[in-house]
N, C-alpha and C. Protein backbone atom coordinates (compact mmCIF):
# COMPACT_ATOMS: atom_id res chain seq x y z
N MET A 1 136.81 110.89 97.78
CA MET A 1 135.48 111.43 97.98
C MET A 1 134.49 110.63 97.15
N MET A 2 133.39 110.26 97.75
CA MET A 2 132.38 109.46 97.07
C MET A 2 131.42 110.38 96.32
N ASN A 3 131.11 110.03 95.07
CA ASN A 3 130.14 110.80 94.30
C ASN A 3 128.75 110.62 94.88
N SER A 4 127.92 111.63 94.69
CA SER A 4 126.55 111.57 95.17
C SER A 4 125.75 110.56 94.36
N ILE A 5 124.87 109.85 95.02
CA ILE A 5 124.00 108.91 94.30
C ILE A 5 122.59 109.46 94.17
N THR A 6 122.40 110.69 94.61
CA THR A 6 121.08 111.31 94.52
C THR A 6 120.59 111.28 93.08
N GLU A 7 119.35 110.79 92.91
CA GLU A 7 118.68 110.71 91.61
C GLU A 7 119.26 109.64 90.67
N LYS A 8 120.24 108.89 91.10
CA LYS A 8 120.76 107.79 90.28
C LYS A 8 119.85 106.58 90.47
N VAL A 9 119.72 105.77 89.44
CA VAL A 9 118.92 104.55 89.52
C VAL A 9 119.85 103.40 89.87
N VAL A 10 119.50 102.67 90.92
CA VAL A 10 120.32 101.54 91.38
C VAL A 10 119.44 100.30 91.44
N VAL A 11 119.90 99.22 90.81
CA VAL A 11 119.19 97.94 90.83
C VAL A 11 119.84 97.06 91.88
N ILE A 12 119.00 96.50 92.76
CA ILE A 12 119.50 95.59 93.79
C ILE A 12 118.78 94.25 93.65
N THR A 13 119.52 93.20 93.34
CA THR A 13 118.94 91.86 93.32
C THR A 13 119.03 91.28 94.73
N GLY A 14 118.13 90.37 95.04
CA GLY A 14 118.09 89.83 96.39
C GLY A 14 117.62 90.86 97.39
N ALA A 15 116.79 91.79 96.92
CA ALA A 15 116.38 92.95 97.72
C ALA A 15 115.34 92.64 98.78
N SER A 16 114.79 91.44 98.80
CA SER A 16 113.69 91.16 99.72
C SER A 16 114.11 90.86 101.15
N SER A 17 115.39 90.67 101.39
CA SER A 17 115.82 90.39 102.76
C SER A 17 117.33 90.54 102.90
N GLY A 18 117.79 90.46 104.13
CA GLY A 18 119.21 90.43 104.43
C GLY A 18 119.99 91.62 103.91
N LEU A 19 121.16 91.36 103.36
CA LEU A 19 122.06 92.39 102.87
C LEU A 19 121.41 93.19 101.74
N GLY A 20 120.66 92.53 100.88
CA GLY A 20 119.98 93.23 99.78
C GLY A 20 119.00 94.27 100.32
N GLU A 21 118.20 93.87 101.29
CA GLU A 21 117.23 94.80 101.88
C GLU A 21 117.95 95.96 102.56
N ALA A 22 118.99 95.67 103.32
CA ALA A 22 119.73 96.72 104.00
C ALA A 22 120.36 97.70 103.00
N THR A 23 120.85 97.18 101.90
CA THR A 23 121.46 98.02 100.87
C THR A 23 120.41 98.92 100.23
N VAL A 24 119.24 98.36 99.94
CA VAL A 24 118.15 99.15 99.37
C VAL A 24 117.78 100.30 100.30
N ARG A 25 117.63 100.00 101.56
CA ARG A 25 117.24 101.03 102.53
C ARG A 25 118.30 102.14 102.61
N LEU A 26 119.56 101.77 102.67
CA LEU A 26 120.63 102.75 102.77
C LEU A 26 120.70 103.63 101.52
N LEU A 27 120.68 103.02 100.35
CA LEU A 27 120.78 103.80 99.12
C LEU A 27 119.58 104.72 98.95
N SER A 28 118.40 104.23 99.32
CA SER A 28 117.21 105.06 99.24
C SER A 28 117.31 106.26 100.17
N GLU A 29 117.78 106.03 101.37
CA GLU A 29 117.96 107.12 102.34
C GLU A 29 118.92 108.17 101.83
N ARG A 30 119.87 107.75 100.99
CA ARG A 30 120.87 108.67 100.44
C ARG A 30 120.43 109.30 99.12
N GLY A 31 119.18 109.02 98.71
CA GLY A 31 118.63 109.70 97.55
C GLY A 31 118.59 108.95 96.25
N ALA A 32 119.02 107.71 96.24
CA ALA A 32 118.98 106.92 95.01
C ALA A 32 117.55 106.48 94.71
N LYS A 33 117.25 106.34 93.43
CA LYS A 33 116.01 105.70 92.99
C LYS A 33 116.35 104.22 92.92
N VAL A 34 115.63 103.39 93.65
CA VAL A 34 116.00 101.99 93.74
C VAL A 34 115.01 101.08 93.01
N VAL A 35 115.57 100.09 92.33
CA VAL A 35 114.79 99.05 91.68
C VAL A 35 115.05 97.78 92.48
N LEU A 36 114.01 97.27 93.11
CA LEU A 36 114.12 96.10 93.97
C LEU A 36 113.80 94.85 93.18
N ALA A 37 114.73 93.93 93.11
CA ALA A 37 114.54 92.70 92.36
C ALA A 37 114.73 91.49 93.27
N ALA A 38 113.73 90.61 93.24
CA ALA A 38 113.78 89.35 94.00
C ALA A 38 112.55 88.54 93.62
N ARG A 39 112.43 87.36 94.18
CA ARG A 39 111.30 86.49 93.87
C ARG A 39 110.11 86.67 94.79
N ARG A 40 110.32 87.21 95.98
CA ARG A 40 109.25 87.31 96.98
C ARG A 40 108.50 88.64 96.88
N ALA A 41 107.44 88.63 96.09
CA ALA A 41 106.68 89.84 95.79
C ALA A 41 106.16 90.53 97.05
N ASP A 42 105.64 89.76 97.99
CA ASP A 42 105.05 90.37 99.18
C ASP A 42 106.07 91.16 99.98
N ARG A 43 107.25 90.63 100.11
CA ARG A 43 108.30 91.33 100.86
C ARG A 43 108.77 92.57 100.12
N LEU A 44 108.87 92.47 98.80
CA LEU A 44 109.29 93.62 98.01
C LEU A 44 108.26 94.75 98.11
N GLU A 45 106.99 94.40 98.01
CA GLU A 45 105.94 95.42 98.06
C GLU A 45 105.93 96.13 99.41
N ASN A 46 106.14 95.40 100.49
CA ASN A 46 106.21 96.04 101.81
C ASN A 46 107.40 96.98 101.92
N LEU A 47 108.51 96.58 101.35
CA LEU A 47 109.71 97.42 101.38
C LEU A 47 109.50 98.68 100.54
N VAL A 48 108.88 98.55 99.37
CA VAL A 48 108.59 99.71 98.53
C VAL A 48 107.67 100.68 99.28
N LYS A 49 106.67 100.16 99.97
CA LYS A 49 105.77 101.03 100.75
C LYS A 49 106.56 101.82 101.79
N ASP A 50 107.48 101.15 102.49
CA ASP A 50 108.30 101.82 103.49
C ASP A 50 109.14 102.94 102.86
N ILE A 51 109.74 102.65 101.73
CA ILE A 51 110.60 103.62 101.05
C ILE A 51 109.79 104.83 100.60
N LYS A 52 108.65 104.58 99.98
CA LYS A 52 107.81 105.68 99.49
C LYS A 52 107.26 106.51 100.65
N LYS A 53 106.91 105.85 101.74
CA LYS A 53 106.41 106.55 102.93
C LYS A 53 107.47 107.51 103.47
N ALA A 54 108.74 107.12 103.33
CA ALA A 54 109.85 107.95 103.79
C ALA A 54 110.27 109.00 102.75
N GLY A 55 109.56 109.03 101.61
CA GLY A 55 109.85 110.04 100.59
C GLY A 55 110.76 109.58 99.47
N GLY A 56 111.12 108.29 99.46
CA GLY A 56 112.00 107.78 98.42
C GLY A 56 111.25 107.29 97.20
N GLU A 57 112.02 106.93 96.18
CA GLU A 57 111.45 106.38 94.96
C GLU A 57 111.93 104.94 94.81
N ALA A 58 110.97 104.05 94.56
CA ALA A 58 111.30 102.63 94.45
C ALA A 58 110.35 101.93 93.50
N LEU A 59 110.85 100.90 92.90
CA LEU A 59 110.09 100.10 91.94
C LEU A 59 110.41 98.64 92.20
N THR A 60 109.38 97.79 92.11
CA THR A 60 109.55 96.36 92.31
C THR A 60 109.57 95.63 90.98
N VAL A 61 110.52 94.70 90.82
CA VAL A 61 110.56 93.83 89.65
C VAL A 61 110.74 92.41 90.18
N ILE A 62 109.69 91.59 90.02
CA ILE A 62 109.79 90.19 90.46
C ILE A 62 110.77 89.50 89.52
N THR A 63 111.81 88.90 90.10
CA THR A 63 112.93 88.41 89.30
C THR A 63 113.49 87.11 89.84
N ASP A 64 113.79 86.22 88.90
CA ASP A 64 114.60 85.04 89.19
C ASP A 64 115.88 85.25 88.37
N VAL A 65 116.98 85.51 89.06
CA VAL A 65 118.22 85.86 88.36
C VAL A 65 118.75 84.73 87.47
N ALA A 66 118.21 83.54 87.62
CA ALA A 66 118.62 82.43 86.76
C ALA A 66 117.92 82.46 85.40
N LYS A 67 116.96 83.38 85.24
CA LYS A 67 116.20 83.47 83.98
C LYS A 67 116.59 84.72 83.21
N ARG A 68 117.07 84.52 82.00
CA ARG A 68 117.53 85.64 81.16
C ARG A 68 116.41 86.67 80.93
N ASP A 69 115.21 86.22 80.65
CA ASP A 69 114.10 87.14 80.41
C ASP A 69 113.85 88.04 81.62
N ASP A 70 113.95 87.48 82.81
CA ASP A 70 113.77 88.27 84.03
C ASP A 70 114.87 89.33 84.15
N MET A 71 116.08 88.97 83.81
CA MET A 71 117.19 89.93 83.89
C MET A 71 117.02 91.05 82.88
N GLU A 72 116.56 90.72 81.69
CA GLU A 72 116.30 91.75 80.68
C GLU A 72 115.17 92.66 81.13
N ASN A 73 114.19 92.11 81.82
CA ASN A 73 113.09 92.90 82.34
C ASN A 73 113.58 93.91 83.39
N ILE A 74 114.54 93.53 84.19
CA ILE A 74 115.12 94.47 85.15
C ILE A 74 115.71 95.67 84.42
N ILE A 75 116.44 95.42 83.38
CA ILE A 75 117.08 96.50 82.62
C ILE A 75 116.03 97.45 82.06
N ARG A 76 114.99 96.89 81.45
CA ARG A 76 113.92 97.74 80.90
C ARG A 76 113.25 98.55 82.01
N SER A 77 113.02 97.92 83.14
CA SER A 77 112.35 98.58 84.25
C SER A 77 113.21 99.68 84.87
N ALA A 78 114.51 99.48 84.88
CA ALA A 78 115.42 100.44 85.50
C ALA A 78 115.53 101.73 84.69
N GLU A 79 115.03 101.73 83.50
CA GLU A 79 115.11 102.93 82.66
C GLU A 79 113.97 103.89 82.94
N TYR A 80 113.30 103.73 84.09
CA TYR A 80 112.15 104.58 84.41
C TYR A 80 112.52 105.96 84.77
């Protein structure tokens, strides 16, 4: 049996497209608070708007996973 993810905070890197975007949408639909991390701000902002419009909670963090400071920023942001 899978535990509920309702109200859990989930960070998804590569969230602006493809598998990352699909994962964000699915987890949000199931009640998770999602932190979207990627480099393409415009795509992330549109995705956050869609999630919030559907009643979900989402936060955007512009991130380059190759940069340590960006990764630390994700952690700080996920503590919302």
